[in-house]
């Protein structure tokens, strides 16, 4: 399972990390909202076997 959030959104990445997700990668300027551009943090959750 994957999820993403804007790098500036501290609350969102805290929630993803508390849910057990790990930061997979960062896309520089990967998220555009209106006329603003943000770095996009991509998180991943893998079920342990």
PDB file of N, CA and C in Angstrom:
ATOM      1  N   UNK A   1       0.853  -1.147   0.000  1.00  0.00           N
ATOM      2  CA  UNK A   1       0.000   0.000   0.000  1.00  0.00           C
ATOM      3  C   UNK A   1       0.910   1.224   0.000  1.00  0.00           C
ATOM      4  N   UNK A   2       0.534   2.240  -0.756  1.00  0.00           N
ATOM      5  CA  UNK A   2       1.304   3.480  -0.783  1.00  0.00           C
ATOM      6  C   UNK A   2       0.394   4.658  -0.461  1.00  0.00           C
ATOM      7  N   UNK A   3       1.019   5.737  -0.007  1.00  0.00           N
ATOM      8  CA  UNK A   3       0.321   6.989   0.264  1.00  0.00           C
ATOM      9  C   UNK A   3       1.310   8.118   0.025  1.00  0.00           C
ATOM     10  N   UNK A   4       0.797   9.309  -0.154  1.00  0.00           N
ATOM     11  CA  UNK A   4       1.682  10.451  -0.345  1.00  0.00           C
ATOM     12  C   UNK A   4       1.105  11.675   0.336  1.00  0.00           C
ATOM     13  N   UNK A   5       1.990  12.663   0.550  1.00  0.00           N
ATOM     14  CA  UNK A   5       1.571  13.939   1.118  1.00  0.00           C
ATOM     15  C   UNK A   5       2.587  15.003   0.709  1.00  0.00           C
ATOM     16  N   UNK A   6       2.204  16.254   0.868  1.00  0.00           N
ATOM     17  CA  UNK A   6       3.119  17.365   0.607  1.00  0.00           C
ATOM     18  C   UNK A   6       4.155  17.403   1.728  1.00  0.00           C
ATOM     19  N   UNK A   7       5.396  17.662   1.372  1.00  0.00           N
ATOM     20  CA  UNK A   7       6.479  17.686   2.354  1.00  0.00           C
ATOM     21  C   UNK A   7       6.234  18.721   3.448  1.00  0.00           C
ATOM     22  N   UNK A   8       5.579  19.819   3.122  1.00  0.00           N
ATOM     23  CA  UNK A   8       5.312  20.870   4.099  1.00  0.00           C
ATOM     24  C   UNK A   8       4.217  20.497   5.090  1.00  0.00           C
ATOM     25  N   UNK A   9       3.465  19.440   4.817  1.00  0.00           N
ATOM     26  CA  UNK A   9       2.354  19.041   5.674  1.00  0.00           C
ATOM     27  C   UNK A   9       2.861  18.082   6.761  1.00  0.00           C
ATOM     28  N   UNK A  10       3.426  18.661   7.806  1.00  0.00           N
ATOM     29  CA  UNK A  10       4.048  17.885   8.885  1.00  0.00           C
ATOM     30  C   UNK A  10       3.053  16.915   9.525  1.00  0.00           C
ATOM     31  N   UNK A  11       1.842  17.371   9.770  1.00  0.00           N
ATOM     32  CA  UNK A  11       0.827  16.524  10.400  1.00  0.00           C
ATOM     33  C   UNK A  11       0.544  15.275   9.595  1.00  0.00           C
ATOM     34  N   UNK A  12       0.462  15.395   8.284  1.00  0.00           N
ATOM     35  CA  UNK A  12       0.178  14.227   7.438  1.00  0.00           C
ATOM     36  C   UNK A  12       1.300  13.214   7.486  1.00  0.00           C
ATOM     37  N   UNK A  13       2.566  13.670   7.399  1.00  0.00           N
ATOM     38  CA  UNK A  13       3.581  12.624   7.440  1.00  0.00           C
ATOM     39  C   UNK A  13       3.736  12.028   8.828  1.00  0.00           C
ATOM     40  N   UNK A  14       3.397  12.735   9.871  1.00  0.00           N
ATOM     41  CA  UNK A  14       3.395  12.126  11.214  1.00  0.00           C
ATOM     42  C   UNK A  14       2.340  11.020  11.301  1.00  0.00           C
ATOM     43  N   UNK A  15       1.164  11.283  10.758  1.00  0.00           N
ATOM     44  CA  UNK A  15       0.094  10.277  10.774  1.00  0.00           C
ATOM     45  C   UNK A  15       0.515   9.040   9.985  1.00  0.00           C
ATOM     46  N   UNK A  16       1.102   9.223   8.819  1.00  0.00           N
ATOM     47  CA  UNK A  16       1.535   8.089   8.000  1.00  0.00           C
ATOM     48  C   UNK A  16       2.590   7.265   8.734  1.00  0.00           C
ATOM     49  N   UNK A  17       3.529   7.930   9.398  1.00  0.00           N
ATOM     50  CA  UNK A  17       4.563   7.215  10.134  1.00  0.00           C
ATOM     51  C   UNK A  17       3.982   6.490  11.350  1.00  0.00           C
ATOM     52  N   UNK A  18       3.043   7.112  12.049  1.00  0.00           N
ATOM     53  CA  UNK A  18       2.406   6.457  13.193  1.00  0.00           C
ATOM     54  C   UNK A  18       1.600   5.237  12.754  1.00  0.00           C
ATOM     55  N   UNK A  19       1.114   5.245  11.526  1.00  0.00           N
ATOM     56  CA  UNK A  19       0.370   4.108  10.982  1.00  0.00           C
ATOM     57  C   UNK A  19       1.307   2.982  10.534  1.00  0.00           C
ATOM     58  N   UNK A  20       2.608   3.188  10.686  1.00  0.00           N
ATOM     59  CA  UNK A  20       3.574   2.155  10.343  1.00  0.00           C
ATOM     60  C   UNK A  20       4.138   2.258   8.940  1.00  0.00           C
ATOM     61  N   UNK A  21       3.852   3.348   8.249  1.00  0.00           N
ATOM     62  CA  UNK A  21       4.355   3.512   6.891  1.00  0.00           C
ATOM     63  C   UNK A  21       5.774   4.081   6.932  1.00  0.00           C
ATOM     64  N   UNK A  22       6.560   3.731   5.934  1.00  0.00           N
ATOM     65  CA  UNK A  22       7.949   4.187   5.831  1.00  0.00           C
ATOM     66  C   UNK A  22       8.109   5.062   4.602  1.00  0.00           C
ATOM     67  N   UNK A  23       8.933   6.097   4.736  1.00  0.00           N
ATOM     68  CA  UNK A  23       9.205   6.985   3.611  1.00  0.00           C
ATOM     69  C   UNK A  23       9.956   6.215   2.537  1.00  0.00           C
ATOM     70  N   UNK A  24       9.400   6.204   1.345  1.00  0.00           N
ATOM     71  CA  UNK A  24       9.967   5.458   0.227  1.00  0.00           C
ATOM     72  C   UNK A  24      10.812   6.365  -0.664  1.00  0.00           C
ATOM     73  N   UNK A  25      10.266   7.549  -0.991  1.00  0.00           N
ATOM     74  CA  UNK A  25      10.995   8.479  -1.857  1.00  0.00           C
ATOM     75  C   UNK A  25      10.401   9.878  -1.755  1.00  0.00           C
ATOM     76  N   UNK A  26      11.136  10.821  -2.311  1.00  0.00           N
ATOM     77  CA  UNK A  26      10.688  12.211  -2.385  1.00  0.00           C
ATOM     78  C   UNK A  26      10.762  12.669  -3.832  1.00  0.00           C
ATOM     79  N   UNK A  27       9.655  13.181  -4.343  1.00  0.00           N
ATOM     80  CA  UNK A  27       9.630  13.734  -5.700  1.00  0.00           C
ATOM     81  C   UNK A  27       9.724  15.255  -5.581  1.00  0.00           C
ATOM     82  N   UNK A  28      10.840  15.803  -5.997  1.00  0.00           N
ATOM     83  CA  UNK A  28      11.005  17.257  -5.970  1.00  0.00           C
ATOM     84  C   UNK A  28       9.973  17.884  -6.911  1.00  0.00           C
ATOM     85  N   UNK A  29       9.256  18.877  -6.402  1.00  0.00           N
ATOM     86  CA  UNK A  29       8.233  19.589  -7.173  1.00  0.00           C
ATOM     87  C   UNK A  29       7.201  18.630  -7.767  1.00  0.00           C
ATOM     88  N   UNK A  30       6.891  17.556  -7.052  1.00  0.00           N
ATOM     89  CA  UNK A  30       6.012  16.525  -7.573  1.00  0.00           C
ATOM     90  C   UNK A  30       4.533  16.746  -7.351  1.00  0.00           C
ATOM     91  N   UNK A  31       4.187  17.811  -6.630  1.00  0.00           N
ATOM     92  CA  UNK A  31       2.782  18.041  -6.314  1.00  0.00           C
ATOM     93  C   UNK A  31       2.431  19.495  -6.595  1.00  0.00           C
ATOM     94  N   UNK A  32       1.433  19.701  -7.433  1.00  0.00           N
ATOM     95  CA  UNK A  32       0.996  21.044  -7.798  1.00  0.00           C
ATOM     96  C   UNK A  32      -0.429  21.257  -7.307  1.00  0.00           C
ATOM     97  N   UNK A  33      -0.613  22.287  -6.500  1.00  0.00           N
ATOM     98  CA  UNK A  33      -1.929  22.635  -5.961  1.00  0.00           C
ATOM     99  C   UNK A  33      -2.167  24.109  -6.287  1.00  0.00           C
ATOM    100  N   UNK A  34      -3.098  24.345  -7.196  1.00  0.00           N
ATOM    101  CA  UNK A  34      -3.320  25.719  -7.640  1.00  0.00           C
ATOM    102  C   UNK A  34      -2.063  26.244  -8.312  1.00  0.00           C
ATOM    103  N   UNK A  35      -1.558  27.365  -7.808  1.00  0.00           N
ATOM    104  CA  UNK A  35      -0.347  27.950  -8.388  1.00  0.00           C
ATOM    105  C   UNK A  35       0.897  27.652  -7.549  1.00  0.00           C
ATOM    106  N   UNK A  36       0.775  26.738  -6.585  1.00  0.00           N
ATOM    107  CA  UNK A  36       1.916  26.384  -5.726  1.00  0.00           C
ATOM    108  C   UNK A  36       2.414  24.992  -6.063  1.00  0.00           C
ATOM    109  N   UNK A  37       3.715  24.790  -5.883  1.00  0.00           N
ATOM    110  CA  UNK A  37       4.348  23.499  -6.145  1.00  0.00           C
ATOM    111  C   UNK A  37       5.054  23.045  -4.869  1.00  0.00           C
ATOM    112  N   UNK A  38       4.882  21.771  -4.528  1.00  0.00           N
ATOM    113  CA  UNK A  38       5.450  21.205  -3.307  1.00  0.00           C
ATOM    114  C   UNK A  38       6.242  19.948  -3.643  1.00  0.00           C
ATOM    115  N   UNK A  39       7.172  19.612  -2.758  1.00  0.00           N
ATOM    116  CA  UNK A  39       7.808  18.307  -2.852  1.00  0.00           C
ATOM    117  C   UNK A  39       6.791  17.281  -2.373  1.00  0.00           C
ATOM    118  N   UNK A  40       6.788  16.131  -2.992  1.00  0.00           N
ATOM    119  CA  UNK A  40       5.827  15.070  -2.689  1.00  0.00           C
ATOM    120  C   UNK A  40       6.551  13.918  -1.997  1.00  0.00           C
ATOM    121  N   UNK A  41       6.110  13.584  -0.785  1.00  0.00           N
ATOM    122  CA  UNK A  41       6.678  12.466  -0.043  1.00  0.00           C
ATOM    123  C   UNK A  41       5.833  11.232  -0.299  1.00  0.00           C
ATOM    124  N   UNK A  42       6.467  10.149  -0.669  1.00  0.00           N
ATOM    125  CA  UNK A  42       5.761   8.912  -0.972  1.00  0.00           C
ATOM    126  C   UNK A  42       6.112   7.889   0.105  1.00  0.00           C
ATOM    127  N   UNK A  43       5.076   7.370   0.738  1.00  0.00           N
ATOM    128  CA  UNK A  43       5.224   6.403   1.818  1.00  0.00           C
ATOM    129  C   UNK A  43       4.720   5.043   1.371  1.00  0.00           C
ATOM    130  N   UNK A  44       5.230   4.012   2.041  1.00  0.00           N
ATOM    131  CA  UNK A  44       4.857   2.648   1.696  1.00  0.00           C
ATOM    132  C   UNK A  44       4.617   1.851   2.976  1.00  0.00           C
ATOM    133  N   UNK A  45       3.630   0.980   2.932  1.00  0.00           N
ATOM    134  CA  UNK A  45       3.381   0.049   4.017  1.00  0.00           C
ATOM    135  C   UNK A  45       3.428  -1.348   3.432  1.00  0.00           C
ATOM    136  N   UNK A  46       4.260  -2.170   4.014  1.00  0.00           N
ATOM    137  CA  UNK A  46       4.327  -3.564   3.579  1.00  0.00           C
ATOM    138  C   UNK A  46       4.011  -4.465   4.755  1.00  0.00           C
ATOM    139  N   UNK A  47       3.106  -5.336   4.521  1.00  0.00           N
ATOM    140  CA  UNK A  47       2.744  -6.315   5.539  1.00  0.00           C
ATOM    141  C   UNK A  47       3.898  -7.287   5.727  1.00  0.00           C
ATOM    142  N   UNK A  48       4.253  -7.496   6.963  1.00  0.00           N
ATOM    143  CA  UNK A  48       5.362  -8.412   7.233  1.00  0.00           C
ATOM    144  C   UNK A  48       4.892  -9.850   7.185  1.00  0.00           C
ATOM    145  N   UNK A  49       5.669 -10.688   6.527  1.00  0.00           N
ATOM    146  CA  UNK A  49       5.293 -12.110   6.368  1.00  0.00           C
ATOM    147  C   UNK A  49       5.594 -12.909   7.607  1.00  0.00           C
TER     148      UNK A  49
END
